[in-house]
Amino acid sequence: MDEKFFNTAGPGKENKHYIVDPLRRVGYDEIPNLIRQERYFVLYAPRQTGKTTSLLAMVGQINGEGRDWSTPWPIRRLSK
């Protein structure tokens, strides 16, 4: 297996990169309650801080529980 490294481009992959647990990092414990209450949440942070990695981990967790189904839907500001 190749040696792990710090990723600076794209989502982190646990088998390839050093990463902090993305679910713990964003406080995932509260998010399922927001979903069940039909509320929303925002991942807001500077560039390259793990937003996409956290979102993909949440999608995997939600889909793995079998109760709900999720897919990432990134919303970006459109430039002129």
PDB file of N, CA and C in Angstrom:
ATOM      1  N   MET A   1       0.838  -1.186   0.000  1.00  0.00           N
ATOM      2  CA  MET A   1       0.000   0.000   0.000  1.00  0.00           C
ATOM      3  C   MET A   1       0.879   1.244   0.000  1.00  0.00           C
ATOM      4  N   ASP A   2       0.454   2.247  -0.742  1.00  0.00           N
ATOM      5  CA  ASP A   2       1.194   3.502  -0.789  1.00  0.00           C
ATOM      6  C   ASP A   2       1.069   4.239   0.535  1.00  0.00           C
ATOM      7  N   GLU A   3       2.018   5.090   0.800  1.00  0.00           N
ATOM      8  CA  GLU A   3       2.016   5.874   2.021  1.00  0.00           C
ATOM      9  C   GLU A   3       0.949   6.964   1.949  1.00  0.00           C
ATOM     10  N   LYS A   4       0.283   7.227   3.063  1.00  0.00           N
ATOM     11  CA  LYS A   4      -0.728   8.287   3.108  1.00  0.00           C
ATOM     12  C   LYS A   4      -0.062   9.650   3.012  1.00  0.00           C
ATOM     13  N   PHE A   5      -0.835  10.637   2.544  1.00  0.00           N
ATOM     14  CA  PHE A   5      -0.322  12.000   2.446  1.00  0.00           C
ATOM     15  C   PHE A   5      -1.451  12.990   2.718  1.00  0.00           C
ATOM     16  N   PHE A   6      -1.099  14.244   2.935  1.00  0.00           N
ATOM     17  CA  PHE A   6      -2.092  15.287   3.160  1.00  0.00           C
ATOM     18  C   PHE A   6      -2.641  15.725   1.809  1.00  0.00           C
ATOM     19  N   ASN A   7      -3.940  15.630   1.661  1.00  0.00           N
ATOM     20  CA  ASN A   7      -4.601  15.959   0.402  1.00  0.00           C
ATOM     21  C   ASN A   7      -4.913  17.452   0.349  1.00  0.00           C
ATOM     22  N   THR A   8      -4.680  18.069  -0.791  1.00  0.00           N
ATOM     23  CA  THR A   8      -5.016  19.483  -0.976  1.00  0.00           C
ATOM     24  C   THR A   8      -5.907  19.703  -2.190  1.00  0.00           C
ATOM     25  N   ALA A   9      -6.402  18.627  -2.781  1.00  0.00           N
ATOM     26  CA  ALA A   9      -7.229  18.772  -3.977  1.00  0.00           C
ATOM     27  C   ALA A   9      -8.319  17.705  -3.974  1.00  0.00           C
ATOM     28  N   GLY A  10      -9.566  18.115  -3.856  1.00  0.00           N
ATOM     29  CA  GLY A  10     -10.679  17.176  -3.921  1.00  0.00           C
ATOM     30  C   GLY A  10     -10.966  16.507  -2.588  1.00  0.00           C
ATOM     31  N   PRO A  11     -12.008  15.672  -2.561  1.00  0.00           N
ATOM     32  CA  PRO A  11     -12.409  15.014  -1.323  1.00  0.00           C
ATOM     33  C   PRO A  11     -11.324  14.083  -0.779  1.00  0.00           C
ATOM     34  N   GLY A  12     -11.242  14.034   0.550  1.00  0.00           N
ATOM     35  CA  GLY A  12     -10.282  13.142   1.191  1.00  0.00           C
ATOM     36  C   GLY A  12     -10.768  11.699   1.170  1.00  0.00           C
ATOM     37  N   LYS A  13      -9.840  10.777   1.046  1.00  0.00           N
ATOM     38  CA  LYS A  13     -10.151   9.342   1.057  1.00  0.00           C
ATOM     39  C   LYS A  13      -9.320   8.711   2.163  1.00  0.00           C
ATOM     40  N   GLU A  14     -10.008   8.054   3.108  1.00  0.00           N
ATOM     41  CA  GLU A  14      -9.319   7.523   4.285  1.00  0.00           C
ATOM     42  C   GLU A  14      -8.181   6.570   3.953  1.00  0.00           C
ATOM     43  N   ASN A  15      -8.307   5.820   2.878  1.00  0.00           N
ATOM     44  CA  ASN A  15      -7.255   4.864   2.533  1.00  0.00           C
ATOM     45  C   ASN A  15      -6.043   5.530   1.889  1.00  0.00           C
ATOM     46  N   LYS A  16      -6.177   6.776   1.438  1.00  0.00           N
ATOM     47  CA  LYS A  16      -5.081   7.458   0.759  1.00  0.00           C
ATOM     48  C   LYS A  16      -4.552   8.677   1.505  1.00  0.00           C
ATOM     49  N   HIS A  17      -5.421   9.331   2.294  1.00  0.00           N
ATOM     50  CA  HIS A  17      -5.061  10.624   2.877  1.00  0.00           C
ATOM     51  C   HIS A  17      -5.186  10.613   4.397  1.00  0.00           C
ATOM     52  N   TYR A  18      -4.431  11.505   5.023  1.00  0.00           N
ATOM     53  CA  TYR A  18      -4.625  11.763   6.440  1.00  0.00           C
ATOM     54  C   TYR A  18      -5.854  12.652   6.562  1.00  0.00           C
ATOM     55  N   ILE A  19      -6.868  12.207   7.306  1.00  0.00           N
ATOM     56  CA  ILE A  19      -8.049  13.046   7.490  1.00  0.00           C
ATOM     57  C   ILE A  19      -8.571  12.916   8.919  1.00  0.00           C
ATOM     58  N   VAL A  20      -9.250  13.970   9.360  1.00  0.00           N
ATOM     59  CA  VAL A  20      -9.959  13.955  10.632  1.00  0.00           C
ATOM     60  C   VAL A  20     -11.321  13.337  10.349  1.00  0.00           C
ATOM     61  N   ASP A  21     -11.872  12.579  11.292  1.00  0.00           N
ATOM     62  CA  ASP A  21     -13.189  11.963  11.101  1.00  0.00           C
ATOM     63  C   ASP A  21     -14.187  13.032  10.642  1.00  0.00           C
ATOM     64  N   PRO A  22     -14.644  12.951   9.393  1.00  0.00           N
ATOM     65  CA  PRO A  22     -15.488  14.020   8.853  1.00  0.00           C
ATOM     66  C   PRO A  22     -16.851  14.134   9.527  1.00  0.00           C
ATOM     67  N   LEU A  23     -17.402  13.049  10.048  1.00  0.00           N
ATOM     68  CA  LEU A  23     -18.705  13.132  10.714  1.00  0.00           C
ATOM     69  C   LEU A  23     -18.582  13.799  12.077  1.00  0.00           C
ATOM     70  N   ARG A  24     -17.528  13.462  12.793  1.00  0.00           N
ATOM     71  CA  ARG A  24     -17.315  14.080  14.097  1.00  0.00           C
ATOM     72  C   ARG A  24     -16.968  15.559  13.949  1.00  0.00           C
ATOM     73  N   ARG A  25     -16.250  15.871  12.904  1.00  0.00           N
ATOM     74  CA  ARG A  25     -15.797  17.240  12.665  1.00  0.00           C
ATOM     75  C   ARG A  25     -16.956  18.219  12.463  1.00  0.00           C
ATOM     76  N   VAL A  26     -18.030  17.768  11.827  1.00  0.00           N
ATOM     77  CA  VAL A  26     -19.161  18.663  11.545  1.00  0.00           C
ATOM     78  C   VAL A  26     -20.304  18.506  12.546  1.00  0.00           C
ATOM     79  N   GLY A  27     -20.115  17.729  13.594  1.00  0.00           N
ATOM     80  CA  GLY A  27     -21.175  17.552  14.583  1.00  0.00           C
ATOM     81  C   GLY A  27     -22.364  16.787  14.023  1.00  0.00           C
ATOM     82  N   TYR A  28     -22.085  15.654  13.392  1.00  0.00           N
ATOM     83  CA  TYR A  28     -23.125  14.883  12.704  1.00  0.00           C
ATOM     84  C   TYR A  28     -24.256  14.441  13.623  1.00  0.00           C
ATOM     85  N   ASP A  29     -24.017  14.337  14.923  1.00  0.00           N
ATOM     86  CA  ASP A  29     -25.050  13.866  15.851  1.00  0.00           C
ATOM     87  C   ASP A  29     -26.341  14.668  15.745  1.00  0.00           C
ATOM     88  N   GLU A  30     -26.241  15.954  15.422  1.00  0.00           N
ATOM     89  CA  GLU A  30     -27.416  16.825  15.346  1.00  0.00           C
ATOM     90  C   GLU A  30     -28.110  16.781  13.976  1.00  0.00           C
ATOM     91  N   ILE A  31     -27.406  16.398  12.959  1.00  0.00           N
ATOM     92  CA  ILE A  31     -27.925  16.491  11.591  1.00  0.00           C
ATOM     93  C   ILE A  31     -29.106  15.560  11.313  1.00  0.00           C
ATOM     94  N   PRO A  32     -29.108  14.283  11.742  1.00  0.00           N
ATOM     95  CA  PRO A  32     -30.290  13.444  11.494  1.00  0.00           C
ATOM     96  C   PRO A  32     -31.578  14.030  12.081  1.00  0.00           C
ATOM     97  N   ASN A  33     -31.475  14.683  13.234  1.00  0.00           N
ATOM     98  CA  ASN A  33     -32.662  15.326  13.811  1.00  0.00           C
ATOM     99  C   ASN A  33     -33.161  16.461  12.925  1.00  0.00           C
ATOM    100  N   LEU A  34     -32.253  17.234  12.380  1.00  0.00           N
ATOM    101  CA  LEU A  34     -32.656  18.315  11.471  1.00  0.00           C
ATOM    102  C   LEU A  34     -33.353  17.746  10.236  1.00  0.00           C
ATOM    103  N   ILE A  35     -32.835  16.644   9.721  1.00  0.00           N
ATOM    104  CA  ILE A  35     -33.434  16.021   8.537  1.00  0.00           C
ATOM    105  C   ILE A  35     -34.841  15.524   8.853  1.00  0.00           C
ATOM    106  N   ARG A  36     -34.994  14.848   9.987  1.00  0.00           N
ATOM    107  CA  ARG A  36     -36.331  14.330  10.362  1.00  0.00           C
ATOM    108  C   ARG A  36     -37.338  15.444  10.602  1.00  0.00           C
ATOM    109  N   GLN A  37     -36.861  16.602  11.062  1.00  0.00           N
ATOM    110  CA  GLN A  37     -37.736  17.754  11.297  1.00  0.00           C
ATOM    111  C   GLN A  37     -37.954  18.569  10.024  1.00  0.00           C
ATOM    112  N   GLU A  38     -37.397  18.073   8.909  1.00  0.00           N
ATOM    113  CA  GLU A  38     -37.475  18.758   7.612  1.00  0.00           C
ATOM    114  C   GLU A  38     -36.913  20.174   7.687  1.00  0.00           C
ATOM    115  N   ARG A  39     -35.782  20.285   8.379  1.00  0.00           N
ATOM    116  CA  ARG A  39     -35.067  21.552   8.483  1.00  0.00           C
ATOM    117  C   ARG A  39     -33.819  21.448   7.614  1.00  0.00           C
ATOM    118  N   TYR A  40     -33.099  22.496   7.492  1.00  0.00           N
ATOM    119  CA  TYR A  40     -31.894  22.464   6.668  1.00  0.00           C
ATOM    120  C   TYR A  40     -30.687  22.878   7.497  1.00  0.00           C
ATOM    121  N   PHE A  41     -29.502  22.614   6.945  1.00  0.00           N
ATOM    122  CA  PHE A  41     -28.257  23.015   7.568  1.00  0.00           C
ATOM    123  C   PHE A  41     -27.302  23.441   6.469  1.00  0.00           C
ATOM    124  N   VAL A  42     -26.304  24.200   6.846  1.00  0.00           N
ATOM    125  CA  VAL A  42     -25.341  24.732   5.879  1.00  0.00           C
ATOM    126  C   VAL A  42     -23.932  24.354   6.339  1.00  0.00           C
ATOM    127  N   LEU A  43     -23.142  23.882   5.417  1.00  0.00           N
ATOM    128  CA  LEU A  43     -21.716  23.695   5.682  1.00  0.00           C
ATOM    129  C   LEU A  43     -21.006  24.915   5.116  1.00  0.00           C
ATOM    130  N   TYR A  44     -20.544  25.757   5.994  1.00  0.00           N
ATOM    131  CA  TYR A  44     -19.909  27.001   5.585  1.00  0.00           C
ATOM    132  C   TYR A  44     -18.519  27.057   6.203  1.00  0.00           C
ATOM    133  N   ALA A  45     -17.500  27.093   5.379  1.00  0.00           N
ATOM    134  CA  ALA A  45     -16.123  27.132   5.865  1.00  0.00           C
ATOM    135  C   ALA A  45     -15.218  27.584   4.721  1.00  0.00           C
ATOM    136  N   PRO A  46     -13.993  27.967   5.050  1.00  0.00           N
ATOM    137  CA  PRO A  46     -13.054  28.371   4.003  1.00  0.00           C
ATOM    138  C   PRO A  46     -12.726  27.224   3.051  1.00  0.00           C
ATOM    139  N   ARG A  47     -12.043  27.568   1.992  1.00  0.00           N
ATOM    140  CA  ARG A  47     -11.615  26.585   0.998  1.00  0.00           C
ATOM    141  C   ARG A  47     -10.750  25.504   1.632  1.00  0.00           C
ATOM    142  N   GLN A  48     -10.886  24.304   1.091  1.00  0.00           N
ATOM    143  CA  GLN A  48     -10.028  23.165   1.425  1.00  0.00           C
ATOM    144  C   GLN A  48     -10.001  22.851   2.921  1.00  0.00           C
ATOM    145  N   THR A  49     -11.180  22.891   3.549  1.00  0.00           N
ATOM    146  CA  THR A  49     -11.258  22.558   4.976  1.00  0.00           C
ATOM    147  C   THR A  49     -12.042  21.277   5.221  1.00  0.00           C
ATOM    148  N   GLY A  50     -12.490  20.598   4.165  1.00  0.00           N
ATOM    149  CA  GLY A  50     -13.158  19.316   4.333  1.00  0.00           C
ATOM    150  C   GLY A  50     -14.664  19.329   4.153  1.00  0.00           C
ATOM    151  N   LYS A  51     -15.213  20.361   3.549  1.00  0.00           N
ATOM    152  CA  LYS A  51     -16.676  20.428   3.362  1.00  0.00           C
ATOM    153  C   LYS A  51     -17.175  19.290   2.467  1.00  0.00           C
ATOM    154  N   THR A  52     -16.545  19.078   1.334  1.00  0.00           N
ATOM    155  CA  THR A  52     -16.980  18.022   0.417  1.00  0.00           C
ATOM    156  C   THR A  52     -16.760  16.647   1.043  1.00  0.00           C
ATOM    157  N   THR A  53     -15.630  16.451   1.691  1.00  0.00           N
ATOM    158  CA  THR A  53     -15.363  15.180   2.365  1.00  0.00           C
ATOM    159  C   THR A  53     -16.427  14.909   3.418  1.00  0.00           C
ATOM    160  N   SER A  54     -16.790  15.925   4.200  1.00  0.00           N
ATOM    161  CA  SER A  54     -17.823  15.767   5.228  1.00  0.00           C
ATOM    162  C   SER A  54     -19.179  15.475   4.604  1.00  0.00           C
ATOM    163  N   LEU A  55     -19.513  16.167   3.540  1.00  0.00           N
ATOM    164  CA  LEU A  55     -20.794  15.947   2.872  1.00  0.00           C
ATOM    165  C   LEU A  55     -20.884  14.524   2.333  1.00  0.00           C
ATOM    166  N   LEU A  56     -19.841  14.039   1.700  1.00  0.00           N
ATOM    167  CA  LEU A  56     -19.852  12.678   1.162  1.00  0.00           C
ATOM    168  C   LEU A  56     -19.931  11.639   2.283  1.00  0.00           C
ATOM    169  N   ALA A  57     -19.285  11.914   3.406  1.00  0.00           N
ATOM    170  CA  ALA A  57     -19.377  10.994   4.554  1.00  0.00           C
ATOM    171  C   ALA A  57     -20.801  10.967   5.108  1.00  0.00           C
ATOM    172  N   MET A  58     -21.456  12.139   5.149  1.00  0.00           N
ATOM    173  CA  MET A  58     -22.850  12.195   5.613  1.00  0.00           C
ATOM    174  C   MET A  58     -23.768  11.416   4.680  1.00  0.00           C
ATOM    175  N   VAL A  59     -23.581  11.560   3.391  1.00  0.00           N
ATOM    176  CA  VAL A  59     -24.392  10.826   2.415  1.00  0.00           C
ATOM    177  C   VAL A  59     -24.230   9.325   2.631  1.00  0.00           C
ATOM    178  N   GLY A  60     -22.991   8.878   2.811  1.00  0.00           N
ATOM    179  CA  GLY A  60     -22.746   7.466   3.048  1.00  0.00           C
ATOM    180  C   GLY A  60     -23.387   6.978   4.338  1.00  0.00           C
ATOM    181  N   GLN A  61     -23.318   7.779   5.391  1.00  0.00           N
ATOM    182  CA  GLN A  61     -23.911   7.405   6.672  1.00  0.00           C
ATOM    183  C   GLN A  61     -25.437   7.340   6.574  1.00  0.00           C
ATOM    184  N   ILE A  62     -26.040   8.353   5.988  1.00  0.00           N
ATOM    185  CA  ILE A  62     -27.505   8.398   5.856  1.00  0.00           C
ATOM    186  C   ILE A  62     -28.003   7.230   5.012  1.00  0.00           C
ATOM    187  N   ASN A  63     -27.365   7.003   3.878  1.00  0.00           N
ATOM    188  CA  ASN A  63     -27.788   5.899   3.011  1.00  0.00           C
ATOM    189  C   ASN A  63     -27.540   4.547   3.666  1.00  0.00           C
ATOM    190  N   GLY A  64     -26.471   4.441   4.455  1.00  0.00           N
ATOM    191  CA  GLY A  64     -26.149   3.192   5.121  1.00  0.00           C
ATOM    192  C   GLY A  64     -27.130   2.827   6.223  1.00  0.00           C
ATOM    193  N   GLU A  65     -27.786   3.825   6.818  1.00  0.00           N
ATOM    194  CA  GLU A  65     -28.770   3.561   7.874  1.00  0.00           C
ATOM    195  C   GLU A  65     -30.043   2.943   7.315  1.00  0.00           C
ATOM    196  N   GLY A  66     -30.303   3.149   6.010  1.00  0.00           N
ATOM    197  CA  GLY A  66     -31.433   2.507   5.351  1.00  0.00           C
ATOM    198  C   GLY A  66     -32.786   3.160   5.574  1.00  0.00           C
ATOM    199  N   ARG A  67     -32.852   4.191   6.389  1.00  0.00           N
ATOM    200  CA  ARG A  67     -34.134   4.842   6.650  1.00  0.00           C
ATOM    201  C   ARG A  67     -34.413   5.952   5.632  1.00  0.00           C
ATOM    202  N   ASP A  68     -33.386   6.678   5.281  1.00  0.00           N
ATOM    203  CA  ASP A  68     -33.511   7.786   4.331  1.00  0.00           C
ATOM    204  C   ASP A  68     -32.552   7.560   3.173  1.00  0.00           C
ATOM    205  N   TRP A  69     -32.704   8.357   2.139  1.00  0.00           N
ATOM    206  CA  TRP A  69     -31.815   8.296   0.992  1.00  0.00           C
ATOM    207  C   TRP A  69     -31.306   9.696   0.732  1.00  0.00           C
ATOM    208  N   SER A  70     -30.053   9.808   0.410  1.00  0.00           N
ATOM    209  CA  SER A  70     -29.446  11.120   0.254  1.00  0.00           C
ATOM    210  C   SER A  70     -28.522  11.141  -0.949  1.00  0.00           C
ATOM    211  N   THR A  71     -28.396  12.314  -1.532  1.00  0.00           N
ATOM    212  CA  THR A  71     -27.425  12.547  -2.597  1.00  0.00           C
ATOM    213  C   THR A  71     -26.900  13.967  -2.429  1.00  0.00           C
ATOM    214  N   PRO A  72     -25.617  14.202  -2.676  1.00  0.00           N
ATOM    215  CA  PRO A  72     -25.088  15.564  -2.516  1.00  0.00           C
ATOM    216  C   PRO A  72     -25.619  16.494  -3.599  1.00  0.00           C
ATOM    217  N   TRP A  73     -25.922  17.708  -3.207  1.00  0.00           N
ATOM    218  CA  TRP A  73     -26.426  18.707  -4.138  1.00  0.00           C
ATOM    219  C   TRP A  73     -25.701  20.011  -3.867  1.00  0.00           C
ATOM    220  N   PRO A  74     -24.529  20.193  -4.454  1.00  0.00           N
ATOM    221  CA  PRO A  74     -23.769  21.411  -4.168  1.00  0.00           C
ATOM    222  C   PRO A  74     -24.428  22.642  -4.794  1.00  0.00           C
ATOM    223  N   ILE A  75     -24.477  23.691  -4.035  1.00  0.00           N
ATOM    224  CA  ILE A  75     -25.027  24.957  -4.519  1.00  0.00           C
ATOM    225  C   ILE A  75     -23.880  25.962  -4.495  1.00  0.00           C
ATOM    226  N   ARG A  76     -23.622  26.513  -5.642  1.00  0.00           N
ATOM    227  CA  ARG A  76     -22.510  27.461  -5.740  1.00  0.00           C
ATOM    228  C   ARG A  76     -23.007  28.793  -6.277  1.00  0.00           C
ATOM    229  N   ARG A  77     -22.325  29.810  -5.885  1.00  0.00           N
ATOM    230  CA  ARG A  77     -22.648  31.142  -6.389  1.00  0.00           C
ATOM    231  C   ARG A  77     -22.234  31.227  -7.849  1.00  0.00           C
ATOM    232  N   LEU A  78     -23.134  31.711  -8.648  1.00  0.00           N
ATOM    233  CA  LEU A  78     -22.847  31.843 -10.077  1.00  0.00           C
ATOM    234  C   LEU A  78     -22.113  33.139 -10.329  1.00  0.00           C
ATOM    235  N   SER A  79     -21.036  33.073 -11.090  1.00  0.00           N
ATOM    236  CA  SER A  79     -20.308  34.295 -11.429  1.00  0.00           C
ATOM    237  C   SER A  79     -20.933  34.939 -12.643  1.00  0.00           C
ATOM    238  N   LYS A  80     -20.714  36.216 -12.783  1.00  0.00           N
ATOM    239  CA  LYS A  80     -21.300  36.976 -13.906  1.00  0.00           C
ATOM    240  C   LYS A  80     -20.510  36.758 -15.168  1.00  0.00           C
TER     241      LYS A  80
END
